[in-house]
Structure formats: structure tokens, C-alpha cells
Amino acid sequence: LSRELIHYCKVSLARKKQILILVNRKGYFTLEVCKNCGYIERCPNCNIALVYHKDEGLECHYCGYSIDKMDQCPECGGKMELFGYGVERIEEILQKIFPKAKIARMDADLPTKEINEIWERFINGNIDILVGTQMIAKGFRLPNVALTGILAPDLALNLPDFKVSERIFQLIYSLAEQTGNNKYLVIQSMLPSYYPIKYASRLDYESFYRYESQLRRSLGYPPYSHIVRIVVSGKDEESVKTIASSLALDIKRRLRIDYSGPARCPLYRIKKTFHWHILLKIKDLTVDIMKVVKELVGAYNYKDIGIMVDVDPVSML
């Protein structure tokens, strides 16, 4: 936590005001890594780095697979160490800095009933600092909330999704426009001059729009084209890859349009199921084009292989 954020927390608590701290990561530490060879423990079902939770150990957020924390690297025998931070660790750090404050944590791992109970306590003023993922951002509109801190929103910019900058801009802008009248927003960022963070913190949506529009136009992303995402999935990766490659060639022969892939999806193995995708960029998407796409997809009616067509997907992950 930065000195600035700690300072504003002290000021807010002294005024008997409430505080929100947004951390876009669940768990205690982000991952466990071998200092010697760089080995990272991953889920055998999903190939996702396991996240350390203080009570549950190392856990996969996609399928629930979990194991105890490892002390020794299974590859080289080196020492395994925990890195990063999640909502659990930030909650603990805040408890040490502000031992007299009433602090609670909220994230999607909690049951709905408990989430509703925490919200009720916070609304009634029985919680001083609420730590959580983006789901708590709406609390900034409450009259007694004086401060929101966002920790490292720029880390999400590494995600392979062209809409990430837009989502970060929306989050920061929605909070920044509510500042003033003794409401404060503190953004801890390693890239404060990066355009979605810079323009959102200035409430300059026009500059963000111009920059993002030029970028998307040059790359052929919506709204200057339509994206049709075709995801092929199955338990056998070689079969998934073969069908995705064959389908891509069929689309090229029938439609003669630009496409990328087939390639592994960013989250390519979830619950022992492999996912490959083909991305079609189509400037003028017509009913006839979609009819051909559906005909081609329908021809690959194989057992244990699923094919999903998503037009202008909300997320590329």
C-alpha cells in the first residue's frame, strides 16, 4: 500500500468515513514459484497457475482443484516461494496498519448469503474498510464512503483481449466522476500514463474515444468490423486442433475472408477440456455469411467435440 493511500485512509477514518479497497485478485498470494528454476504449480485439469489461499492452500479458481502449499520444487528441488497479493493478503495488511478499524473482505468465492450480510453491515456503517474485487465498486455511491483505492488496475492490461482497456477505463471513470465533495479516489498504478488510466482519471472520455477508435480502426476491431469467434472444444487436444484447422480452411475456401488462427484460446484447458478458436474479422456481416458459417460448423458433427459460434463476443478469453 502506498503512503498516499495509507494517508487518505487515516484521514477518512479520523472523519468517521468508510473506505473501499479494490483488488482485482482473489486469494492471499497470486502464485507459488521456484526461485531456482521458475517452476509454477499449475492445475492438472485447467493448466492455470494455482492461487494460494491462507485456509485452503493452493487452489484452481476454475475447477476447484486444490493441494497443500509446496515447500520444495518437484522439478529441481529448489525452494518454492509465494509471490503477489490478493484480497486476503490486503485485508490482513490493513488489519495490521489499522488494528482498531472494522475491516471485512468480499469476493465471488463467498456464498451469496454471506455477501448480502456483508453489504448490509457496510450500508449500516458497521464496517470501516471493505476490501474486495470489482464487485464492491458500487459502494462508492453510498453517502458515508469517502475513499476508494484501486490497486494495480494495469495488471489486467496483460490479458489478450482488445476490450481490456475499455473495461479499465469504464471502472476508473465511473469512480472518478463521483469524486469531489470530500470523496477521493486513489489509483496505485505502475503505468499511470497509460491511456485508459490517464484519460479516465482526468474524466476525459473524448480523448480516450479518439485514441481507442484509431487503434481499433487500424487493427480492424469492432466497431469497424464484426468479430465472429468460433471455439472448438473437446477432451483430446489433437482432435480439437485438427478439426479447428480443417474448419478454418473450409471457411477460407467458401467465404474468402480474413481470419486468424486456429490457435489455443487464452484459457485453453479448463476442467480437462481443450479449447481452440478461430477469429473471423468481417467488415459487413450479412445473414448470408452467417448462414454459410453455420452450415460449415454444422458439418462437423463429431462425438465429444463441441463448436460454439460467438458473434462480437463480450470477452475474448
Protein backbone atom coordinates (compact mmCIF):
# COMPACT_ATOMS: atom_id res chain seq x y z
CA LEU A 1 0.00 0.00 0.00
CA SER A 2 1.38 3.40 -0.97
CA ARG A 3 1.98 6.20 1.52
CA GLU A 4 -0.66 8.28 -0.24
CA LEU A 5 -3.32 5.60 0.13
CA ILE A 6 -2.44 4.99 3.79
CA HIS A 7 -2.60 8.76 4.42
CA TYR A 8 -6.07 9.09 2.88
CA CYS A 9 -7.22 6.03 4.82
CA LYS A 10 -6.11 7.68 8.08
CA VAL A 11 -7.88 10.93 7.16
CA SER A 12 -11.10 9.10 6.23
CA LEU A 13 -11.12 7.00 9.40
CA ALA A 14 -10.49 10.10 11.52
CA ARG A 15 -13.58 11.68 9.91
CA LYS A 16 -15.60 8.51 10.71
CA LYS A 17 -15.97 7.82 7.00
CA GLN A 18 -15.90 4.47 5.18
CA ILE A 19 -13.33 3.14 2.72
CA LEU A 20 -13.34 0.74 -0.25
CA ILE A 21 -10.16 -1.03 -1.43
CA LEU A 22 -10.43 -2.74 -4.84
CA VAL A 23 -8.07 -5.64 -5.52
CA ASN A 24 -8.64 -7.48 -8.79
CA ARG A 25 -7.32 -10.78 -7.45
CA LYS A 26 -8.79 -13.38 -5.18
CA GLY A 27 -6.74 -15.36 -2.69
CA TYR A 28 -3.80 -14.47 -0.44
CA PHE A 29 -0.78 -14.76 -2.76
CA THR A 30 -1.03 -14.81 -6.55
CA LEU A 31 1.14 -17.86 -7.21
CA GLU A 32 3.91 -20.12 -5.88
CA VAL A 33 7.19 -20.05 -7.84
CA CYS A 34 10.53 -21.84 -7.56
CA LYS A 35 13.27 -19.25 -7.05
CA ASN A 36 15.80 -21.55 -8.71
CA CYS A 37 14.19 -22.74 -11.97
CA GLY A 38 10.98 -20.66 -12.17
CA TYR A 39 8.62 -23.66 -11.91
CA ILE A 40 4.99 -22.67 -11.22
CA GLU A 41 2.49 -25.14 -9.81
CA ARG A 42 -0.47 -25.37 -12.20
CA CYS A 43 -3.85 -27.10 -12.16
CA PRO A 44 -3.63 -30.51 -13.89
CA ASN A 45 -7.19 -30.04 -15.17
CA CYS A 46 -7.01 -26.44 -16.42
CA ASN A 47 -3.30 -25.58 -16.86
CA ILE A 48 -3.92 -22.42 -14.79
CA ALA A 49 -1.48 -21.25 -12.12
CA LEU A 50 -2.83 -22.19 -8.69
CA VAL A 51 -3.65 -19.33 -6.32
CA TYR A 52 -2.68 -19.55 -2.66
CA HIS A 53 -5.47 -19.15 -0.11
CA LYS A 54 -4.49 -18.94 3.54
CA ASP A 55 -7.04 -21.54 4.70
CA GLU A 56 -7.39 -23.77 1.63
CA GLY A 57 -3.81 -23.89 0.29
CA LEU A 58 -3.17 -23.78 -3.47
CA GLU A 59 -6.42 -23.72 -5.42
CA CYS A 60 -7.70 -23.51 -9.01
CA HIS A 61 -10.42 -20.88 -9.44
CA TYR A 62 -11.90 -22.70 -12.45
CA CYS A 63 -12.44 -26.30 -11.33
CA GLY A 64 -11.80 -26.17 -7.57
CA TYR A 65 -8.74 -28.48 -7.62
CA SER A 66 -6.57 -27.86 -4.55
CA ILE A 67 -3.37 -29.09 -2.91
CA ASP A 68 -1.32 -28.11 0.13
CA LYS A 69 1.34 -25.42 -0.18
CA MET A 70 4.62 -26.80 -1.53
CA ASP A 71 7.98 -26.17 0.14
CA GLN A 72 10.21 -27.92 -2.39
CA CYS A 73 10.19 -27.67 -6.18
CA PRO A 74 9.21 -31.01 -7.81
CA GLU A 75 11.43 -30.19 -10.81
CA CYS A 76 14.77 -29.15 -9.31
CA GLY A 77 14.33 -29.47 -5.56
CA GLY A 78 14.70 -25.72 -5.06
CA LYS A 79 12.77 -23.63 -2.56
CA MET A 80 9.22 -22.65 -3.51
CA GLU A 81 8.17 -19.10 -2.59
CA LEU A 82 4.87 -17.23 -2.68
CA PHE A 83 4.55 -14.02 -4.70
CA GLY A 84 1.96 -11.34 -5.40
CA TYR A 85 -1.11 -10.46 -3.40
CA GLY A 86 -4.85 -10.98 -3.36
CA VAL A 87 -7.79 -9.69 -1.34
CA GLU A 88 -6.96 -11.94 1.63
CA ARG A 89 -3.44 -10.56 1.99
CA ILE A 90 -4.53 -6.93 1.58
CA GLU A 91 -7.18 -7.49 4.26
CA GLU A 92 -4.50 -8.80 6.64
CA ILE A 93 -2.12 -5.90 5.88
CA LEU A 94 -4.88 -3.37 6.56
CA GLN A 95 -5.65 -5.06 9.88
CA LYS A 96 -2.03 -4.58 10.93
CA ILE A 97 -1.94 -0.92 9.84
CA PHE A 98 -5.36 -0.07 11.30
CA PRO A 99 -5.90 -2.51 14.21
CA LYS A 100 -8.87 -0.57 15.59
CA ALA A 101 -10.76 -0.41 12.30
CA LYS A 102 -13.57 -2.83 11.46
CA ILE A 103 -12.44 -4.49 8.22
CA ALA A 104 -14.26 -7.02 6.03
CA ARG A 105 -13.50 -8.82 2.77
CA MET A 106 -15.83 -9.61 -0.13
CA ASP A 107 -15.24 -11.62 -3.30
CA ALA A 108 -17.05 -14.09 -5.54
CA ASP A 109 -15.77 -17.07 -3.52
CA LEU A 110 -18.19 -16.20 -0.71
CA PRO A 111 -21.75 -17.59 -0.72
CA THR A 112 -24.48 -15.17 -1.79
CA LYS A 113 -25.99 -15.10 1.70
CA GLU A 114 -22.68 -14.00 3.23
CA ILE A 115 -22.14 -11.37 0.53
CA ASN A 116 -25.59 -9.89 1.27
CA GLU A 117 -24.84 -9.88 5.01
CA ILE A 118 -21.54 -8.03 4.46
CA TRP A 119 -23.28 -5.45 2.25
CA GLU A 120 -25.91 -4.91 4.91
CA ARG A 121 -23.29 -4.40 7.60
CA PHE A 122 -21.39 -1.98 5.36
CA ILE A 123 -24.50 0.03 4.45
CA ASN A 124 -25.42 0.26 8.14
CA GLY A 125 -21.97 1.64 8.97
CA ASN A 126 -20.74 -1.44 10.85
CA ILE A 127 -17.68 -1.85 8.60
CA ASP A 128 -14.99 0.83 8.26
CA ILE A 129 -12.95 -0.68 5.40
CA LEU A 130 -14.32 -3.09 2.80
CA VAL A 131 -11.73 -4.97 0.72
CA GLY A 132 -12.84 -6.80 -2.39
CA THR A 133 -12.80 -7.31 -6.13
CA GLN A 134 -14.64 -5.04 -8.58
CA MET A 135 -17.99 -6.20 -7.22
CA ILE A 136 -17.64 -3.69 -4.36
CA ALA A 137 -17.13 -0.65 -6.63
CA LYS A 138 -20.84 0.25 -6.49
CA GLY A 139 -20.37 1.03 -2.79
CA PHE A 140 -18.63 4.31 -3.68
CA ARG A 141 -22.09 5.83 -4.25
CA LEU A 142 -23.01 5.36 -0.59
CA PRO A 143 -23.07 8.73 1.22
CA ASN A 144 -20.66 7.75 4.01
CA VAL A 145 -17.95 6.34 1.69
CA ALA A 146 -15.18 8.91 1.38
CA LEU A 147 -12.36 6.95 -0.23
CA THR A 148 -11.82 4.23 -2.82
CA GLY A 149 -8.39 2.79 -3.56
CA ILE A 150 -7.73 0.73 -6.71
CA LEU A 151 -4.63 -1.48 -6.52
CA ALA A 152 -2.71 -2.12 -9.76
CA PRO A 153 -5.53 -2.00 -12.36
CA ASP A 154 -2.87 -2.04 -15.09
CA LEU A 155 -2.07 -5.72 -14.42
CA ALA A 156 -5.24 -6.61 -16.34
CA LEU A 157 -3.75 -4.96 -19.45
CA ASN A 158 -1.70 -8.12 -19.99
CA LEU A 159 -4.85 -10.08 -20.82
CA PRO A 160 -5.16 -10.96 -24.54
CA ASP A 161 -8.47 -9.18 -25.06
CA PHE A 162 -8.89 -6.00 -27.10
CA LYS A 163 -11.67 -4.81 -24.74
CA VAL A 164 -9.44 -4.75 -21.64
CA SER A 165 -8.52 -1.07 -21.99
CA GLU A 166 -12.20 -0.15 -22.36
CA ARG A 167 -13.14 -2.10 -19.22
CA ILE A 168 -10.37 -0.49 -17.14
CA PHE A 169 -11.39 2.94 -18.42
CA GLN A 170 -15.05 2.29 -17.51
CA LEU A 171 -14.16 1.17 -13.98
CA ILE A 172 -11.89 4.12 -13.18
CA TYR A 173 -14.13 6.68 -14.95
CA SER A 174 -17.26 5.51 -13.09
CA LEU A 175 -15.45 6.06 -9.78
CA ALA A 176 -13.56 9.22 -10.75
CA GLU A 177 -16.75 11.02 -11.81
CA GLN A 178 -18.08 10.57 -8.27
CA THR A 179 -15.08 12.24 -6.60
CA GLY A 180 -15.30 15.72 -5.11
CA ASN A 181 -17.39 16.85 -2.16
CA ASN A 182 -14.95 15.09 0.16
CA LYS A 183 -14.88 11.86 -1.88
CA TYR A 184 -11.44 10.66 -3.00
CA LEU A 185 -10.11 8.08 -5.45
CA VAL A 186 -6.52 6.79 -5.19
CA ILE A 187 -5.17 4.68 -8.07
CA GLN A 188 -1.98 2.70 -7.46
CA SER A 189 -0.52 2.01 -10.88
CA MET A 190 2.81 1.07 -12.42
CA LEU A 191 1.63 2.67 -15.68
CA PRO A 192 -0.16 5.88 -14.65
CA SER A 193 0.42 7.48 -18.06
CA TYR A 194 -1.09 4.57 -20.00
CA TYR A 195 -4.04 5.98 -21.92
CA PRO A 196 -7.07 4.25 -20.28
CA ILE A 197 -5.81 5.12 -16.79
CA LYS A 198 -4.64 8.61 -17.71
CA TYR A 199 -7.82 9.65 -19.53
CA ALA A 200 -10.21 8.03 -17.03
CA SER A 201 -8.58 9.75 -14.08
CA ARG A 202 -8.95 13.08 -15.95
CA LEU A 203 -12.58 12.29 -16.90
CA ASP A 204 -11.52 12.81 -20.50
CA TYR A 205 -13.68 10.32 -22.36
CA GLU A 206 -13.30 12.17 -25.67
CA SER A 207 -9.51 11.67 -25.75
CA PHE A 208 -9.93 8.03 -24.77
CA TYR A 209 -12.52 7.56 -27.52
CA ARG A 210 -10.25 9.13 -30.16
CA TYR A 211 -7.22 7.04 -29.13
CA GLU A 212 -9.16 3.77 -28.82
CA SER A 213 -11.02 4.41 -32.10
CA GLN A 214 -7.79 4.95 -34.05
CA LEU A 215 -6.29 1.82 -32.53
CA ARG A 216 -9.30 -0.36 -33.29
CA ARG A 217 -9.66 1.04 -36.81
CA SER A 218 -6.01 0.23 -37.61
CA LEU A 219 -6.39 -3.33 -36.28
CA GLY A 220 -9.84 -3.96 -37.76
CA TYR A 221 -11.59 -4.44 -34.41
CA PRO A 222 -15.21 -3.54 -33.60
CA PRO A 223 -16.93 -1.22 -34.23
CA TYR A 224 -15.02 -1.04 -37.54
CA SER A 225 -15.67 -4.71 -38.20
CA HIS A 226 -17.51 -7.62 -36.68
CA ILE A 227 -15.66 -10.45 -34.98
CA VAL A 228 -17.04 -13.96 -35.21
CA ARG A 229 -15.30 -16.22 -32.71
CA ILE A 230 -15.54 -19.95 -33.35
CA VAL A 231 -14.44 -22.08 -30.41
CA VAL A 232 -13.76 -25.80 -30.89
CA SER A 233 -13.51 -27.83 -27.69
CA GLY A 234 -13.01 -31.44 -26.62
CA LYS A 235 -11.11 -33.80 -24.35
CA ASP A 236 -8.49 -34.78 -26.96
CA GLU A 237 -6.39 -31.77 -27.97
CA GLU A 238 -5.09 -33.29 -31.21
CA SER A 239 -8.65 -33.90 -32.44
CA VAL A 240 -9.67 -30.36 -31.44
CA LYS A 241 -6.67 -28.88 -33.28
CA THR A 242 -7.30 -30.98 -36.41
CA ILE A 243 -11.00 -30.05 -36.63
CA ALA A 244 -10.29 -26.37 -35.96
CA SER A 245 -7.66 -26.34 -38.75
CA SER A 246 -9.99 -28.10 -41.21
CA LEU A 247 -12.87 -25.76 -40.36
CA ALA A 248 -10.65 -22.70 -40.87
CA LEU A 249 -9.65 -23.94 -44.36
CA ASP A 250 -13.30 -24.57 -45.26
CA ILE A 251 -14.23 -21.05 -44.20
CA LYS A 252 -11.36 -19.62 -46.23
CA ARG A 253 -12.45 -21.53 -49.36
CA ARG A 254 -16.15 -20.67 -49.06
CA LEU A 255 -16.05 -17.09 -47.78
CA ARG A 256 -12.58 -15.75 -48.72
CA ILE A 257 -12.43 -13.53 -45.61
CA ASP A 258 -9.65 -12.65 -43.21
CA TYR A 259 -9.26 -14.82 -40.16
CA SER A 260 -6.67 -15.54 -37.51
CA GLY A 261 -5.89 -18.91 -36.01
CA PRO A 262 -6.74 -21.57 -35.34
CA ALA A 263 -4.92 -21.13 -32.06
CA ARG A 264 -5.27 -22.11 -28.45
CA CYS A 265 -7.70 -19.95 -26.51
CA PRO A 266 -6.08 -17.81 -23.77
CA LEU A 267 -7.70 -20.18 -21.25
CA TYR A 268 -7.19 -23.21 -23.43
CA ARG A 269 -7.61 -26.06 -20.95
CA ILE A 270 -10.45 -25.89 -18.42
CA LYS A 271 -11.67 -28.94 -16.48
CA LYS A 272 -9.63 -31.27 -18.73
CA THR A 273 -11.30 -29.84 -21.85
CA PHE A 274 -9.15 -28.20 -24.56
CA HIS A 275 -10.30 -25.07 -26.40
CA TRP A 276 -9.04 -23.73 -29.74
CA HIS A 277 -10.54 -20.77 -31.57
CA ILE A 278 -10.74 -19.13 -34.98
CA LEU A 279 -11.36 -15.38 -35.21
CA LEU A 280 -13.10 -14.00 -38.29
CA LYS A 281 -12.94 -10.25 -38.94
CA ILE A 282 -15.85 -9.27 -41.20
CA LYS A 283 -16.50 -5.66 -42.16
CA ASP A 284 -20.03 -6.22 -43.47
CA LEU A 285 -21.63 -9.12 -41.63
CA THR A 286 -24.68 -10.34 -43.50
CA VAL A 287 -27.29 -13.03 -42.94
CA ASP A 288 -25.87 -14.95 -45.93
CA ILE A 289 -22.36 -15.02 -44.41
CA MET A 290 -23.66 -16.29 -41.08
CA LYS A 291 -25.72 -18.91 -42.93
CA VAL A 292 -22.55 -20.25 -44.57
CA VAL A 293 -20.68 -20.23 -41.25
CA LYS A 294 -23.46 -22.21 -39.58
CA GLU A 295 -23.57 -24.69 -42.48
CA LEU A 296 -19.82 -25.28 -42.24
CA VAL A 297 -19.91 -25.62 -38.45
CA GLY A 298 -22.90 -28.00 -38.69
CA ALA A 299 -20.92 -30.31 -40.99
CA TYR A 300 -18.50 -31.08 -38.15
CA ASN A 301 -20.95 -33.08 -36.07
CA TYR A 302 -18.42 -35.25 -34.25
CA LYS A 303 -18.93 -37.05 -30.96
CA ASP A 304 -17.17 -35.43 -27.96
CA ILE A 305 -16.38 -32.26 -29.97
CA GLY A 306 -18.22 -29.03 -29.28
CA ILE A 307 -18.25 -25.98 -31.56
CA MET A 308 -19.53 -22.59 -30.39
CA VAL A 309 -20.07 -19.54 -32.61
CA ASP A 310 -19.98 -16.19 -30.80
CA VAL A 311 -20.68 -13.01 -32.80
CA ASP A 312 -18.99 -9.87 -31.39
CA PRO A 313 -18.01 -11.63 -28.14
CA VAL A 314 -18.12 -9.75 -24.84
CA SER A 315 -14.77 -11.32 -23.92
CA MET A 316 -12.02 -12.95 -25.97
CA LEU A 317 -10.90 -15.12 -23.04
